[in-house]
Amino acid sequence: MKLLIEPCILNFKIKHFLKKAGYDEAFIESKDSNSRISRITIVTKDKNTLFNNIKLYTGNKLIFCKPLTEEILRICISYNKVNAITVDNVNFHLFKRRAMLNLIRLHDKTIEVILPYSSSYIIYKYIIWGYKWIRNILFSSCAKDFNEIWNPLSKVNYLILHGADYEMATYWVFKSPQVFLNNVSSNYY
């Protein structure tokens, strides 16, 4: 069974609007476990905070990390309990070095790009890097309200507008969340 998954919804109450937008499921950001697939995003520049939060949520949530320092980024890339790394305007500068991109490729880490909080330049760079370094990229709406949900075709068109070809844009929107879920399912379920 194929599911069309939105990688990030910040408000559980808008889950019911996903079907109308074209999605079957979503990764819902929540500290309590009231959804089938829930996630937690750890935003930190401190190693102890990172590990304490990972211990707290391991096993029952998808763990996304938004590193704010290069040291935390290296830890998140190499640590297998972190399922994906989140990037936007705030922490993009950490990813510019080839050493980091090679480390991401070596550990086959999934990267999530938050569309509303990422500039066109960042989206363009991740599209380019997606062809060479990053195997699985999630492009997320991170919607707090129903009118912030990006429907799948809008995402595809937006990625094409920023330099992706049609085949890769549809892969990233339609298949990447499924591939990600399959890769982490042994840790999650």
Protein backbone atom coordinates (compact mmCIF):
# COMPACT_ATOMS: atom_id res chain seq x y z
CA MET A 1 0.00 0.00 0.00
CA LYS A 2 1.43 3.35 -1.05
CA LEU A 3 1.01 6.30 1.24
CA LEU A 4 1.55 9.92 0.45
CA ILE A 5 3.14 11.37 3.57
CA GLU A 6 3.67 14.97 4.69
CA PRO A 7 6.93 14.94 6.69
CA CYS A 8 6.00 17.65 9.21
CA ILE A 9 2.77 18.95 10.72
CA LEU A 10 3.10 21.09 13.86
CA ASN A 11 -0.54 20.96 14.96
CA PHE A 12 -2.41 17.69 15.51
CA LYS A 13 -5.77 19.44 14.94
CA ILE A 14 -5.10 20.03 11.24
CA LYS A 15 -4.47 16.33 10.56
CA HIS A 16 -8.03 16.05 9.22
CA PHE A 17 -7.27 18.53 6.42
CA LEU A 18 -4.42 16.39 5.06
CA LYS A 19 -6.73 14.20 2.95
CA LYS A 20 -8.13 17.27 1.22
CA ALA A 21 -4.60 18.48 0.50
CA GLY A 22 -3.74 15.10 -1.04
CA TYR A 23 -1.92 13.29 1.78
CA ASP A 24 -2.73 9.97 3.42
CA GLU A 25 -0.57 10.43 6.51
CA ALA A 26 1.77 12.88 8.24
CA PHE A 27 4.55 12.91 10.78
CA ILE A 28 2.96 14.97 13.56
CA GLU A 29 5.25 16.99 15.81
CA SER A 30 4.17 16.34 19.39
CA LYS A 31 5.61 15.57 22.79
CA ASP A 32 2.66 13.36 23.70
CA SER A 33 1.94 10.29 21.63
CA ASN A 34 -1.55 10.92 20.26
CA SER A 35 -0.90 10.18 16.60
CA ARG A 36 0.04 7.07 14.65
CA ILE A 37 3.32 8.50 13.40
CA SER A 38 4.72 11.14 15.70
CA ARG A 39 8.00 12.96 15.65
CA ILE A 40 10.03 15.22 17.86
CA THR A 41 12.50 17.85 16.70
CA ILE A 42 15.40 18.48 19.04
CA VAL A 43 16.85 21.97 18.55
CA THR A 44 20.11 22.28 20.43
CA LYS A 45 23.67 23.48 20.58
CA ASP A 46 24.43 21.41 23.69
CA LYS A 47 25.56 17.77 23.61
CA ASN A 48 23.97 16.86 26.97
CA THR A 49 20.59 18.26 25.96
CA LEU A 50 20.74 16.27 22.74
CA PHE A 51 21.49 12.95 24.43
CA ASN A 52 18.96 13.51 27.25
CA ASN A 53 16.19 14.21 24.73
CA ILE A 54 17.17 11.23 22.60
CA LYS A 55 16.98 8.95 25.66
CA LEU A 56 13.61 10.43 26.56
CA TYR A 57 12.01 9.84 23.15
CA THR A 58 13.82 6.82 21.68
CA GLY A 59 11.52 4.02 20.59
CA ASN A 60 8.21 5.83 20.37
CA LYS A 61 8.95 8.78 18.09
CA LEU A 62 10.86 9.68 14.97
CA ILE A 63 13.76 11.81 16.16
CA PHE A 64 14.68 14.82 14.05
CA CYS A 65 17.57 17.04 15.11
CA LYS A 66 18.13 20.67 14.22
CA PRO A 67 21.79 21.24 15.13
CA LEU A 68 22.96 24.75 15.89
CA THR A 69 26.69 24.00 16.06
CA GLU A 70 29.08 22.03 13.89
CA GLU A 71 29.86 19.63 16.75
CA ILE A 72 26.18 18.76 17.23
CA LEU A 73 25.78 18.36 13.47
CA ARG A 74 28.62 15.81 13.39
CA ILE A 75 27.07 13.91 16.31
CA CYS A 76 23.62 13.93 14.67
CA ILE A 77 25.02 12.64 11.39
CA SER A 78 26.90 9.75 12.94
CA TYR A 79 24.45 8.81 15.73
CA ASN A 80 21.96 6.22 14.48
CA LYS A 81 19.22 7.16 17.00
CA VAL A 82 18.79 10.47 15.17
CA ASN A 83 16.56 9.62 12.22
CA ALA A 84 16.90 12.87 10.25
CA ILE A 85 18.51 16.29 10.37
CA THR A 86 16.44 19.44 9.90
CA VAL A 87 17.76 22.46 8.04
CA ASP A 88 16.46 25.98 7.40
CA ASN A 89 17.84 29.54 7.30
CA VAL A 90 19.12 29.30 10.89
CA ASN A 91 21.54 26.38 10.52
CA PHE A 92 22.26 26.17 6.78
CA HIS A 93 25.76 27.61 7.23
CA LEU A 94 26.80 24.39 9.03
CA PHE A 95 26.30 22.31 5.88
CA LYS A 96 28.44 24.29 3.43
CA ARG A 97 31.66 22.32 3.90
CA ARG A 98 32.24 19.29 1.68
CA ALA A 99 33.43 17.30 4.67
CA MET A 100 29.93 17.56 6.19
CA LEU A 101 28.26 16.59 2.92
CA ASN A 102 30.58 13.60 2.57
CA LEU A 103 29.79 12.60 6.17
CA ILE A 104 26.06 12.79 5.39
CA ARG A 105 26.59 10.58 2.36
CA LEU A 106 28.77 8.14 4.30
CA HIS A 107 26.14 7.68 7.03
CA ASP A 108 23.23 7.86 4.56
CA LYS A 109 21.45 10.42 6.75
CA THR A 110 18.09 11.89 5.72
CA ILE A 111 17.89 15.69 5.54
CA GLU A 112 14.64 17.60 6.04
CA VAL A 113 14.35 21.04 4.43
CA ILE A 114 11.65 23.21 6.01
CA LEU A 115 10.15 25.03 3.01
CA PRO A 116 8.53 28.04 4.77
CA TYR A 117 11.72 28.83 6.71
CA SER A 118 14.25 28.24 3.93
CA SER A 119 15.33 30.77 1.35
CA SER A 120 15.28 30.00 -2.36
CA TYR A 121 19.06 29.74 -2.27
CA ILE A 122 18.92 27.01 0.41
CA ILE A 123 16.28 25.04 -1.49
CA TYR A 124 18.35 25.35 -4.68
CA LYS A 125 21.52 24.16 -2.90
CA TYR A 126 19.78 21.10 -1.44
CA ILE A 127 18.37 20.21 -4.83
CA ILE A 128 21.90 20.33 -6.26
CA TRP A 129 23.33 18.39 -3.30
CA GLY A 130 20.50 15.87 -3.63
CA TYR A 131 21.92 14.76 -6.96
CA LYS A 132 25.42 14.18 -5.56
CA TRP A 133 25.62 13.86 -1.77
CA ILE A 134 22.26 13.39 -0.09
CA ARG A 135 20.27 10.29 -1.01
CA ASN A 136 17.05 11.12 0.81
CA ILE A 137 15.69 14.65 1.25
CA LEU A 138 12.35 15.50 2.83
CA PHE A 139 10.75 18.79 1.83
CA SER A 140 8.32 19.71 4.62
CA SER A 141 5.45 22.15 5.02
CA CYS A 142 5.72 22.27 8.82
CA ALA A 143 2.19 23.65 8.90
CA LYS A 144 0.65 25.08 12.07
CA ASP A 145 -2.64 25.90 10.36
CA PHE A 146 -4.60 24.22 7.55
CA ASN A 147 -3.85 26.99 5.04
CA GLU A 148 -0.09 26.40 5.50
CA ILE A 149 -0.20 22.81 4.19
CA TRP A 150 1.57 22.55 0.85
CA ASN A 151 -0.23 20.12 -1.44
CA PRO A 152 2.04 17.63 -3.23
CA LEU A 153 1.77 19.21 -6.68
CA SER A 154 2.66 22.64 -5.29
CA LYS A 155 5.79 21.14 -3.76
CA VAL A 156 6.73 19.45 -7.04
CA ASN A 157 6.25 22.71 -8.97
CA TYR A 158 8.21 24.67 -6.34
CA LEU A 159 11.14 22.25 -6.56
CA ILE A 160 11.10 22.37 -10.37
CA LEU A 161 11.07 26.17 -10.17
CA HIS A 162 14.22 25.95 -8.01
CA GLY A 163 16.14 23.71 -10.43
CA ALA A 164 15.00 20.12 -9.88
CA ASP A 165 13.99 18.00 -12.83
CA TYR A 166 10.47 16.55 -12.84
CA GLU A 167 11.61 13.01 -12.01
CA MET A 168 13.59 13.99 -8.90
CA ALA A 169 11.00 16.51 -7.72
CA THR A 170 8.27 13.86 -7.81
CA TYR A 171 10.59 11.35 -6.14
CA TRP A 172 11.37 13.75 -3.28
CA VAL A 173 7.72 14.63 -2.70
CA PHE A 174 6.03 11.28 -3.30
CA LYS A 175 8.66 8.63 -2.45
CA SER A 176 11.21 10.13 -0.04
CA PRO A 177 8.92 10.09 3.03
CA GLN A 178 8.06 6.43 2.34
CA VAL A 179 11.72 5.51 1.89
CA PHE A 180 12.53 7.35 5.11
CA LEU A 181 9.77 5.57 7.03
CA ASN A 182 10.88 2.18 5.68
CA ASN A 183 14.49 2.88 6.69
CA VAL A 184 13.61 3.81 10.27
CA SER A 185 10.71 1.40 10.78
CA SER A 186 12.90 -1.15 12.54
CA ASN A 187 13.69 1.48 15.20
CA TYR A 188 10.24 3.05 15.29
CA TYR A 189 7.74 0.21 15.43
